[in-house]
N, C-alpha and C. Protein backbone atom coordinates (compact mmCIF):
# COMPACT_ATOMS: atom_id res chain seq x y z
N MET A 1 8.17 5.74 26.54
CA MET A 1 8.76 5.58 25.22
C MET A 1 10.27 5.64 25.39
N ARG A 2 10.98 4.84 24.63
CA ARG A 2 12.43 4.82 24.73
C ARG A 2 13.06 5.75 23.71
N ASN A 3 14.33 6.06 23.92
CA ASN A 3 15.05 6.89 22.94
C ASN A 3 15.25 6.09 21.66
N ALA A 4 15.01 6.71 20.54
CA ALA A 4 15.24 6.07 19.24
C ALA A 4 15.43 7.16 18.21
N SER A 5 16.01 6.77 17.10
CA SER A 5 16.20 7.72 16.01
C SER A 5 15.48 7.19 14.78
N VAL A 6 14.72 8.05 14.14
CA VAL A 6 13.99 7.70 12.93
C VAL A 6 14.36 8.72 11.88
N GLY A 7 15.18 8.29 10.93
CA GLY A 7 15.64 9.25 9.92
C GLY A 7 16.36 10.39 10.61
N THR A 8 15.92 11.61 10.36
CA THR A 8 16.54 12.77 10.98
C THR A 8 15.81 13.20 12.25
N PHE A 9 14.78 12.43 12.63
CA PHE A 9 14.00 12.78 13.81
C PHE A 9 14.37 11.87 14.97
N SER A 10 14.30 12.40 16.15
CA SER A 10 14.65 11.64 17.33
C SER A 10 13.42 11.49 18.22
N VAL A 11 13.20 10.28 18.69
CA VAL A 11 12.11 10.00 19.61
C VAL A 11 12.74 9.97 21.00
N VAL A 12 12.26 10.80 21.91
CA VAL A 12 12.81 10.85 23.25
C VAL A 12 11.77 10.39 24.24
N GLU A 13 12.23 9.98 25.42
CA GLU A 13 11.29 9.54 26.44
C GLU A 13 10.32 10.65 26.76
N SER A 14 9.04 10.31 26.67
CA SER A 14 8.02 11.31 26.87
C SER A 14 6.68 10.64 27.06
N GLU A 15 5.77 11.31 27.71
CA GLU A 15 4.39 10.82 27.84
C GLU A 15 3.63 11.05 26.55
N GLU A 16 4.03 12.06 25.79
CA GLU A 16 3.35 12.41 24.54
C GLU A 16 4.29 12.22 23.37
N LEU A 17 3.71 11.95 22.22
CA LEU A 17 4.52 11.87 21.01
C LEU A 17 4.88 13.26 20.55
N ASP A 18 6.12 13.43 20.13
CA ASP A 18 6.51 14.66 19.46
C ASP A 18 5.65 14.73 18.20
N ALA A 19 5.17 15.89 17.86
CA ALA A 19 4.24 16.05 16.75
C ALA A 19 4.76 15.48 15.43
N SER A 20 6.06 15.45 15.23
CA SER A 20 6.60 15.01 13.95
C SER A 20 7.03 13.55 13.92
N VAL A 21 7.05 12.87 15.05
CA VAL A 21 7.62 11.53 15.11
C VAL A 21 6.85 10.52 14.26
N VAL A 22 5.56 10.40 14.41
CA VAL A 22 4.81 9.38 13.67
C VAL A 22 4.81 9.67 12.17
N PRO A 23 4.44 10.89 11.74
CA PRO A 23 4.48 11.13 10.29
C PRO A 23 5.88 10.94 9.69
N ALA A 24 6.90 11.39 10.40
CA ALA A 24 8.26 11.24 9.89
C ALA A 24 8.66 9.76 9.84
N SER A 25 8.27 9.02 10.83
CA SER A 25 8.58 7.58 10.86
C SER A 25 7.89 6.85 9.72
N LEU A 26 6.61 7.17 9.50
CA LEU A 26 5.87 6.53 8.41
C LEU A 26 6.50 6.87 7.06
N ARG A 27 6.89 8.12 6.90
CA ARG A 27 7.51 8.54 5.64
C ARG A 27 8.84 7.82 5.43
N ALA A 28 9.65 7.73 6.47
CA ALA A 28 10.95 7.08 6.35
C ALA A 28 10.81 5.58 6.09
N ALA A 29 9.78 4.98 6.64
CA ALA A 29 9.60 3.53 6.54
C ALA A 29 8.87 3.08 5.28
N ARG A 30 8.11 3.97 4.67
CA ARG A 30 7.24 3.52 3.58
C ARG A 30 7.98 2.97 2.38
N GLY A 31 9.23 3.32 2.22
CA GLY A 31 9.99 2.83 1.08
C GLY A 31 10.49 1.40 1.23
N SER A 32 10.37 0.81 2.41
CA SER A 32 10.87 -0.55 2.61
C SER A 32 10.24 -1.52 1.62
N TYR A 33 8.93 -1.54 1.57
CA TYR A 33 8.24 -2.45 0.65
C TYR A 33 8.54 -2.09 -0.80
N ALA A 34 8.50 -0.80 -1.12
CA ALA A 34 8.70 -0.36 -2.50
C ALA A 34 10.07 -0.79 -3.02
N ARG A 35 11.10 -0.66 -2.21
CA ARG A 35 12.44 -1.02 -2.67
C ARG A 35 12.55 -2.52 -2.95
N PHE A 36 11.98 -3.33 -2.08
CA PHE A 36 12.02 -4.78 -2.29
C PHE A 36 11.18 -5.17 -3.51
N ILE A 37 10.03 -4.53 -3.68
CA ILE A 37 9.16 -4.82 -4.83
C ILE A 37 9.88 -4.46 -6.12
N ARG A 38 10.42 -3.26 -6.20
CA ARG A 38 11.12 -2.83 -7.42
C ARG A 38 12.29 -3.75 -7.75
N HIS A 39 12.98 -4.20 -6.73
CA HIS A 39 14.09 -5.14 -6.94
C HIS A 39 13.59 -6.43 -7.59
N ASN A 40 12.46 -6.94 -7.13
CA ASN A 40 11.90 -8.17 -7.68
C ASN A 40 11.38 -8.00 -9.10
N PHE A 41 11.03 -6.78 -9.47
CA PHE A 41 10.47 -6.56 -10.81
C PHE A 41 11.49 -6.81 -11.92
N ALA A 42 12.76 -6.63 -11.65
CA ALA A 42 13.77 -6.86 -12.68
C ALA A 42 13.72 -8.32 -13.14
N HIS A 43 13.53 -9.24 -12.21
CA HIS A 43 13.47 -10.66 -12.56
C HIS A 43 12.16 -11.02 -13.24
N ALA A 44 11.10 -10.30 -12.91
CA ALA A 44 9.78 -10.58 -13.49
C ALA A 44 9.53 -9.78 -14.77
N LYS A 45 10.50 -8.98 -15.16
CA LYS A 45 10.38 -8.12 -16.35
C LYS A 45 9.16 -7.20 -16.25
N CYS A 46 9.03 -6.57 -15.10
CA CYS A 46 7.91 -5.68 -14.82
C CYS A 46 8.36 -4.28 -14.45
N GLU A 47 9.53 -3.88 -14.94
CA GLU A 47 10.08 -2.59 -14.56
C GLU A 47 9.22 -1.42 -15.00
N ASP A 48 8.32 -1.66 -15.97
CA ASP A 48 7.49 -0.56 -16.47
C ASP A 48 6.14 -0.45 -15.75
N LEU A 49 5.99 -1.20 -14.66
CA LEU A 49 4.74 -1.09 -13.89
C LEU A 49 4.68 0.31 -13.28
N PRO A 50 3.62 1.05 -13.54
CA PRO A 50 3.56 2.44 -13.06
C PRO A 50 3.39 2.53 -11.55
N ARG A 51 3.66 3.72 -11.05
CA ARG A 51 3.46 4.01 -9.63
C ARG A 51 2.03 3.61 -9.25
N ASN A 52 1.85 3.01 -8.12
CA ASN A 52 0.58 2.48 -7.60
C ASN A 52 0.16 1.20 -8.31
N GLY A 53 0.85 0.82 -9.38
CA GLY A 53 0.55 -0.43 -10.07
C GLY A 53 0.74 -1.66 -9.20
N PRO A 54 1.84 -1.72 -8.40
CA PRO A 54 2.01 -2.89 -7.54
C PRO A 54 0.84 -3.08 -6.57
N TYR A 55 0.30 -1.99 -6.07
CA TYR A 55 -0.82 -2.08 -5.15
C TYR A 55 -2.05 -2.66 -5.86
N VAL A 56 -2.24 -2.25 -7.12
CA VAL A 56 -3.40 -2.72 -7.89
C VAL A 56 -3.25 -4.20 -8.23
N VAL A 57 -2.15 -4.58 -8.88
CA VAL A 57 -2.02 -5.99 -9.29
C VAL A 57 -1.95 -6.91 -8.08
N GLY A 58 -1.29 -6.46 -7.02
CA GLY A 58 -1.23 -7.27 -5.80
C GLY A 58 -2.60 -7.44 -5.16
N GLY A 59 -3.36 -6.37 -5.11
CA GLY A 59 -4.70 -6.43 -4.54
C GLY A 59 -5.64 -7.29 -5.36
N LEU A 60 -5.58 -7.12 -6.68
CA LEU A 60 -6.43 -7.95 -7.56
C LEU A 60 -6.11 -9.43 -7.38
N ALA A 61 -4.82 -9.75 -7.25
CA ALA A 61 -4.41 -11.14 -7.05
C ALA A 61 -4.94 -11.71 -5.73
N ASN A 62 -5.20 -10.82 -4.78
CA ASN A 62 -5.72 -11.25 -3.48
C ASN A 62 -7.24 -11.13 -3.39
N GLY A 63 -7.89 -10.90 -4.53
CA GLY A 63 -9.35 -10.90 -4.57
C GLY A 63 -10.02 -9.60 -4.19
N VAL A 64 -9.27 -8.52 -4.10
CA VAL A 64 -9.84 -7.22 -3.76
C VAL A 64 -10.31 -6.56 -5.06
N SER A 65 -11.48 -5.94 -5.02
CA SER A 65 -12.00 -5.29 -6.22
C SER A 65 -11.19 -4.05 -6.56
N ALA A 66 -11.15 -3.73 -7.86
CA ALA A 66 -10.43 -2.53 -8.29
C ALA A 66 -11.01 -1.30 -7.61
N GLY A 67 -12.33 -1.24 -7.48
CA GLY A 67 -12.96 -0.10 -6.84
C GLY A 67 -12.49 0.10 -5.41
N GLN A 68 -12.39 -1.00 -4.66
CA GLN A 68 -11.91 -0.90 -3.28
C GLN A 68 -10.45 -0.46 -3.24
N LEU A 69 -9.64 -1.00 -4.15
CA LEU A 69 -8.22 -0.62 -4.18
C LEU A 69 -8.06 0.87 -4.45
N PHE A 70 -8.80 1.38 -5.43
CA PHE A 70 -8.70 2.80 -5.76
C PHE A 70 -9.25 3.67 -4.64
N ARG A 71 -10.26 3.17 -3.97
CA ARG A 71 -10.80 3.91 -2.82
C ARG A 71 -9.75 4.02 -1.73
N GLU A 72 -9.05 2.91 -1.46
CA GLU A 72 -8.01 2.90 -0.43
C GLU A 72 -6.85 3.82 -0.80
N MET A 73 -6.52 3.89 -2.10
CA MET A 73 -5.40 4.74 -2.53
C MET A 73 -5.78 6.21 -2.51
N GLY A 74 -7.07 6.52 -2.63
CA GLY A 74 -7.51 7.90 -2.58
C GLY A 74 -7.09 8.72 -3.78
N LEU A 75 -6.95 8.08 -4.93
CA LEU A 75 -6.55 8.81 -6.13
C LEU A 75 -7.70 9.63 -6.68
N ARG A 76 -7.38 10.77 -7.21
CA ARG A 76 -8.38 11.58 -7.91
C ARG A 76 -8.79 10.84 -9.18
N GLU A 77 -9.96 11.19 -9.69
CA GLU A 77 -10.50 10.47 -10.84
C GLU A 77 -9.55 10.49 -12.04
N GLU A 78 -8.94 11.65 -12.31
CA GLU A 78 -8.04 11.74 -13.46
C GLU A 78 -6.84 10.79 -13.29
N ALA A 79 -6.29 10.75 -12.09
CA ALA A 79 -5.15 9.87 -11.83
C ALA A 79 -5.57 8.41 -11.93
N ARG A 80 -6.75 8.10 -11.43
CA ARG A 80 -7.27 6.73 -11.50
C ARG A 80 -7.42 6.30 -12.96
N ILE A 81 -8.00 7.17 -13.78
CA ILE A 81 -8.21 6.86 -15.20
C ILE A 81 -6.87 6.64 -15.90
N ARG A 82 -5.90 7.52 -15.64
CA ARG A 82 -4.56 7.38 -16.24
C ARG A 82 -3.91 6.06 -15.82
N LEU A 83 -4.04 5.73 -14.55
CA LEU A 83 -3.43 4.50 -14.05
C LEU A 83 -4.07 3.28 -14.71
N VAL A 84 -5.38 3.24 -14.79
CA VAL A 84 -6.07 2.11 -15.43
C VAL A 84 -5.65 2.01 -16.89
N GLU A 85 -5.64 3.13 -17.59
CA GLU A 85 -5.24 3.12 -19.01
C GLU A 85 -3.81 2.60 -19.17
N THR A 86 -2.92 3.05 -18.32
CA THR A 86 -1.52 2.62 -18.41
C THR A 86 -1.39 1.14 -18.10
N LEU A 87 -2.08 0.66 -17.08
CA LEU A 87 -2.02 -0.76 -16.74
C LEU A 87 -2.56 -1.63 -17.87
N ILE A 88 -3.60 -1.16 -18.54
CA ILE A 88 -4.16 -1.90 -19.68
C ILE A 88 -3.20 -1.84 -20.87
N GLU A 89 -2.71 -0.65 -21.20
CA GLU A 89 -1.79 -0.48 -22.34
C GLU A 89 -0.53 -1.33 -22.19
N ARG A 90 -0.04 -1.46 -20.97
CA ARG A 90 1.20 -2.21 -20.74
C ARG A 90 0.95 -3.69 -20.49
N GLY A 91 -0.31 -4.09 -20.56
CA GLY A 91 -0.64 -5.51 -20.49
C GLY A 91 -0.71 -6.12 -19.11
N TYR A 92 -0.91 -5.31 -18.07
CA TYR A 92 -0.97 -5.84 -16.71
C TYR A 92 -2.39 -6.23 -16.28
N VAL A 93 -3.37 -5.48 -16.74
CA VAL A 93 -4.76 -5.77 -16.38
C VAL A 93 -5.64 -5.68 -17.62
N ALA A 94 -6.83 -6.24 -17.48
CA ALA A 94 -7.86 -6.14 -18.51
C ALA A 94 -9.18 -5.90 -17.79
N PHE A 95 -10.15 -5.41 -18.53
CA PHE A 95 -11.47 -5.23 -17.94
C PHE A 95 -12.08 -6.60 -17.69
N GLY A 96 -12.68 -6.76 -16.51
CA GLY A 96 -13.36 -8.00 -16.16
C GLY A 96 -14.83 -7.90 -16.51
N GLU A 97 -15.58 -8.88 -16.10
CA GLU A 97 -17.01 -8.92 -16.40
C GLU A 97 -17.87 -8.59 -15.19
N GLY A 98 -17.24 -8.27 -14.07
CA GLY A 98 -17.97 -7.96 -12.85
C GLY A 98 -18.54 -6.55 -12.88
N PRO A 99 -19.34 -6.24 -11.87
CA PRO A 99 -19.97 -4.91 -11.81
C PRO A 99 -19.00 -3.82 -11.37
N LEU A 100 -19.42 -2.58 -11.54
CA LEU A 100 -18.67 -1.45 -11.01
C LEU A 100 -18.64 -1.57 -9.49
N THR A 101 -17.53 -1.20 -8.92
CA THR A 101 -17.41 -1.12 -7.46
C THR A 101 -16.86 0.25 -7.13
N HIS A 102 -17.61 1.01 -6.35
CA HIS A 102 -17.21 2.39 -6.01
C HIS A 102 -16.98 3.19 -7.29
N GLY A 103 -17.76 2.92 -8.32
CA GLY A 103 -17.66 3.66 -9.57
C GLY A 103 -16.50 3.27 -10.46
N VAL A 104 -15.83 2.17 -10.14
CA VAL A 104 -14.67 1.72 -10.91
C VAL A 104 -15.02 0.40 -11.59
N PRO A 105 -14.70 0.28 -12.89
CA PRO A 105 -14.96 -0.98 -13.59
C PRO A 105 -14.18 -2.14 -12.99
N ASP A 106 -14.70 -3.33 -13.17
CA ASP A 106 -14.02 -4.54 -12.72
C ASP A 106 -12.73 -4.70 -13.53
N LEU A 107 -11.65 -5.01 -12.86
CA LEU A 107 -10.37 -5.27 -13.51
C LEU A 107 -9.87 -6.63 -13.08
N VAL A 108 -9.15 -7.30 -13.97
CA VAL A 108 -8.53 -8.58 -13.66
C VAL A 108 -7.08 -8.53 -14.13
N ASN A 109 -6.22 -9.26 -13.44
CA ASN A 109 -4.83 -9.34 -13.86
C ASN A 109 -4.72 -10.22 -15.10
N THR A 110 -3.86 -9.81 -16.01
CA THR A 110 -3.49 -10.64 -17.14
C THR A 110 -2.37 -11.57 -16.66
N THR A 111 -1.83 -12.38 -17.55
CA THR A 111 -0.69 -13.23 -17.20
C THR A 111 0.47 -12.37 -16.72
N ARG A 112 0.70 -11.26 -17.40
CA ARG A 112 1.77 -10.35 -17.00
C ARG A 112 1.46 -9.73 -15.63
N GLY A 113 0.21 -9.39 -15.40
CA GLY A 113 -0.20 -8.84 -14.12
C GLY A 113 -0.02 -9.85 -12.99
N GLU A 114 -0.30 -11.11 -13.28
CA GLU A 114 -0.10 -12.16 -12.27
C GLU A 114 1.38 -12.32 -11.93
N ALA A 115 2.25 -12.22 -12.95
CA ALA A 115 3.69 -12.30 -12.70
C ALA A 115 4.14 -11.14 -11.81
N ALA A 116 3.62 -9.95 -12.11
CA ALA A 116 3.95 -8.78 -11.28
C ALA A 116 3.42 -8.96 -9.86
N ALA A 117 2.20 -9.47 -9.75
CA ALA A 117 1.60 -9.69 -8.43
C ALA A 117 2.41 -10.70 -7.63
N HIS A 118 2.92 -11.72 -8.30
CA HIS A 118 3.76 -12.71 -7.64
C HIS A 118 5.05 -12.05 -7.11
N ALA A 119 5.65 -11.18 -7.92
CA ALA A 119 6.85 -10.46 -7.49
C ALA A 119 6.54 -9.57 -6.29
N VAL A 120 5.37 -8.92 -6.32
CA VAL A 120 4.95 -8.08 -5.19
C VAL A 120 4.79 -8.94 -3.94
N GLY A 121 4.09 -10.07 -4.09
CA GLY A 121 3.85 -10.96 -2.94
C GLY A 121 5.13 -11.46 -2.31
N GLU A 122 6.09 -11.86 -3.14
CA GLU A 122 7.38 -12.33 -2.61
C GLU A 122 8.09 -11.22 -1.83
N ALA A 123 8.07 -10.01 -2.37
CA ALA A 123 8.73 -8.89 -1.70
C ALA A 123 8.05 -8.56 -0.38
N VAL A 124 6.73 -8.56 -0.39
CA VAL A 124 5.98 -8.26 0.84
C VAL A 124 6.29 -9.30 1.91
N HIS A 125 6.31 -10.58 1.53
CA HIS A 125 6.63 -11.63 2.50
C HIS A 125 8.05 -11.47 3.05
N GLU A 126 8.97 -11.08 2.18
CA GLU A 126 10.35 -10.91 2.62
C GLU A 126 10.46 -9.77 3.65
N VAL A 127 9.83 -8.64 3.35
CA VAL A 127 9.86 -7.51 4.29
C VAL A 127 9.15 -7.89 5.59
N ASN A 128 8.00 -8.55 5.48
CA ASN A 128 7.27 -8.96 6.68
C ASN A 128 8.11 -9.89 7.54
N ASP A 129 8.82 -10.82 6.92
CA ASP A 129 9.68 -11.72 7.67
C ASP A 129 10.78 -10.95 8.39
N LEU A 130 11.41 -10.00 7.69
CA LEU A 130 12.46 -9.19 8.31
C LEU A 130 11.91 -8.36 9.47
N LEU A 131 10.70 -7.83 9.28
CA LEU A 131 10.06 -7.06 10.35
C LEU A 131 9.79 -7.95 11.56
N ALA A 132 9.26 -9.14 11.31
CA ALA A 132 8.96 -10.06 12.41
C ALA A 132 10.23 -10.48 13.15
N GLN A 133 11.34 -10.60 12.42
CA GLN A 133 12.62 -10.95 13.06
C GLN A 133 13.17 -9.80 13.89
N SER A 134 12.79 -8.57 13.54
CA SER A 134 13.32 -7.38 14.22
C SER A 134 12.55 -7.01 15.48
N LEU A 135 11.34 -7.55 15.63
CA LEU A 135 10.49 -7.17 16.75
C LEU A 135 10.06 -8.39 17.55
N SER A 136 9.81 -8.19 18.83
CA SER A 136 9.22 -9.26 19.63
C SER A 136 7.75 -9.39 19.20
N ASN A 137 7.12 -10.48 19.59
CA ASN A 137 5.70 -10.66 19.27
C ASN A 137 4.87 -9.52 19.84
N GLU A 138 5.20 -9.10 21.04
CA GLU A 138 4.47 -8.01 21.68
C GLU A 138 4.65 -6.70 20.90
N GLN A 139 5.87 -6.43 20.49
CA GLN A 139 6.14 -5.22 19.71
C GLN A 139 5.41 -5.27 18.37
N LEU A 140 5.43 -6.42 17.72
CA LEU A 140 4.76 -6.55 16.43
C LEU A 140 3.25 -6.36 16.59
N GLU A 141 2.68 -6.94 17.63
CA GLU A 141 1.24 -6.75 17.87
C GLU A 141 0.91 -5.28 18.12
N GLY A 142 1.77 -4.59 18.87
CA GLY A 142 1.56 -3.17 19.13
C GLY A 142 1.69 -2.34 17.87
N PHE A 143 2.67 -2.68 17.05
CA PHE A 143 2.88 -1.99 15.77
C PHE A 143 1.64 -2.15 14.89
N LEU A 144 1.16 -3.38 14.76
CA LEU A 144 -0.02 -3.63 13.92
C LEU A 144 -1.26 -2.96 14.49
N ALA A 145 -1.39 -2.93 15.81
CA ALA A 145 -2.52 -2.24 16.44
C ALA A 145 -2.46 -0.74 16.15
N GLY A 146 -1.26 -0.18 16.17
CA GLY A 146 -1.10 1.24 15.85
C GLY A 146 -1.47 1.55 14.42
N LEU A 147 -1.05 0.70 13.49
CA LEU A 147 -1.41 0.90 12.09
C LEU A 147 -2.93 0.78 11.90
N GLU A 148 -3.53 -0.19 12.57
CA GLU A 148 -4.99 -0.35 12.48
C GLU A 148 -5.70 0.89 13.03
N ALA A 149 -5.20 1.43 14.12
CA ALA A 149 -5.79 2.64 14.69
C ALA A 149 -5.68 3.81 13.71
N LEU A 150 -4.54 3.95 13.05
CA LEU A 150 -4.39 5.02 12.06
C LEU A 150 -5.37 4.84 10.91
N CYS A 151 -5.58 3.61 10.47
CA CYS A 151 -6.56 3.35 9.40
C CYS A 151 -7.96 3.73 9.85
N GLU A 152 -8.30 3.40 11.10
CA GLU A 152 -9.62 3.74 11.62
C GLU A 152 -9.79 5.26 11.73
N ILE A 153 -8.75 5.94 12.14
CA ILE A 153 -8.81 7.41 12.23
C ILE A 153 -9.08 7.99 10.84
N LYS A 154 -8.39 7.47 9.83
CA LYS A 154 -8.60 7.94 8.45
C LYS A 154 -10.03 7.68 8.01
N GLU A 155 -10.54 6.47 8.25
CA GLU A 155 -11.90 6.13 7.84
C GLU A 155 -12.94 7.00 8.53
N GLU A 156 -12.75 7.23 9.82
CA GLU A 156 -13.69 8.08 10.55
C GLU A 156 -13.67 9.50 10.01
N PHE A 157 -12.48 10.01 9.70
CA PHE A 157 -12.37 11.35 9.12
C PHE A 157 -13.11 11.40 7.79
N GLU A 158 -12.86 10.39 6.93
CA GLU A 158 -13.50 10.36 5.62
C GLU A 158 -15.02 10.28 5.73
N GLU A 159 -15.51 9.50 6.69
CA GLU A 159 -16.96 9.41 6.89
C GLU A 159 -17.54 10.75 7.34
N ARG A 160 -16.89 11.39 8.29
CA ARG A 160 -17.35 12.71 8.75
C ARG A 160 -17.28 13.73 7.63
N HIS A 161 -16.17 13.74 6.91
CA HIS A 161 -15.97 14.71 5.84
C HIS A 161 -16.96 14.47 4.70
N HIS A 162 -17.21 13.21 4.37
CA HIS A 162 -18.15 12.88 3.28
C HIS A 162 -19.57 13.30 3.64
N HIS A 163 -19.96 13.10 4.90
CA HIS A 163 -21.31 13.47 5.34
C HIS A 163 -21.52 14.97 5.40
N ASN A 164 -20.42 15.71 5.53
CA ASN A 164 -20.53 17.18 5.62
C ASN A 164 -20.56 17.83 4.24
N HIS A 165 -20.37 17.06 3.17
CA HIS A 165 -20.33 17.65 1.83
C HIS A 165 -21.38 17.06 0.95
């Protein structure tokens, strides 16, 4: 591993990761997409989209069920209900006619939700392009493999934890 600085944490040459490097790096980096998305919302007149709303409208626009999106976000039921109510009240989503998925009603984007999803998509593409320009193909493949491994670790934990309760 090479020397690098991530926020206030430093990555030094080592066979092992410093215990704080990956979580600190993920925390420092997670705002990249959010900042670009929020910037695009001003033009789309979507500044009132609630927290986690971009993930919902973006996912729905890409054909992912509301139940799967909420499962991925890991929101508690009360937070999920508040988010759905807020998205409906502000005109971003409506109830669809599909079945429940993971205990969540089918949701569809409204015209306003589609505009927000478009703003999300543009921001995501912009950040992805900047990321691809910053890394070699090999580095990008390694980065994506690492993220996939973290997702698998989370899923395995959830499966073990769910089976134990």
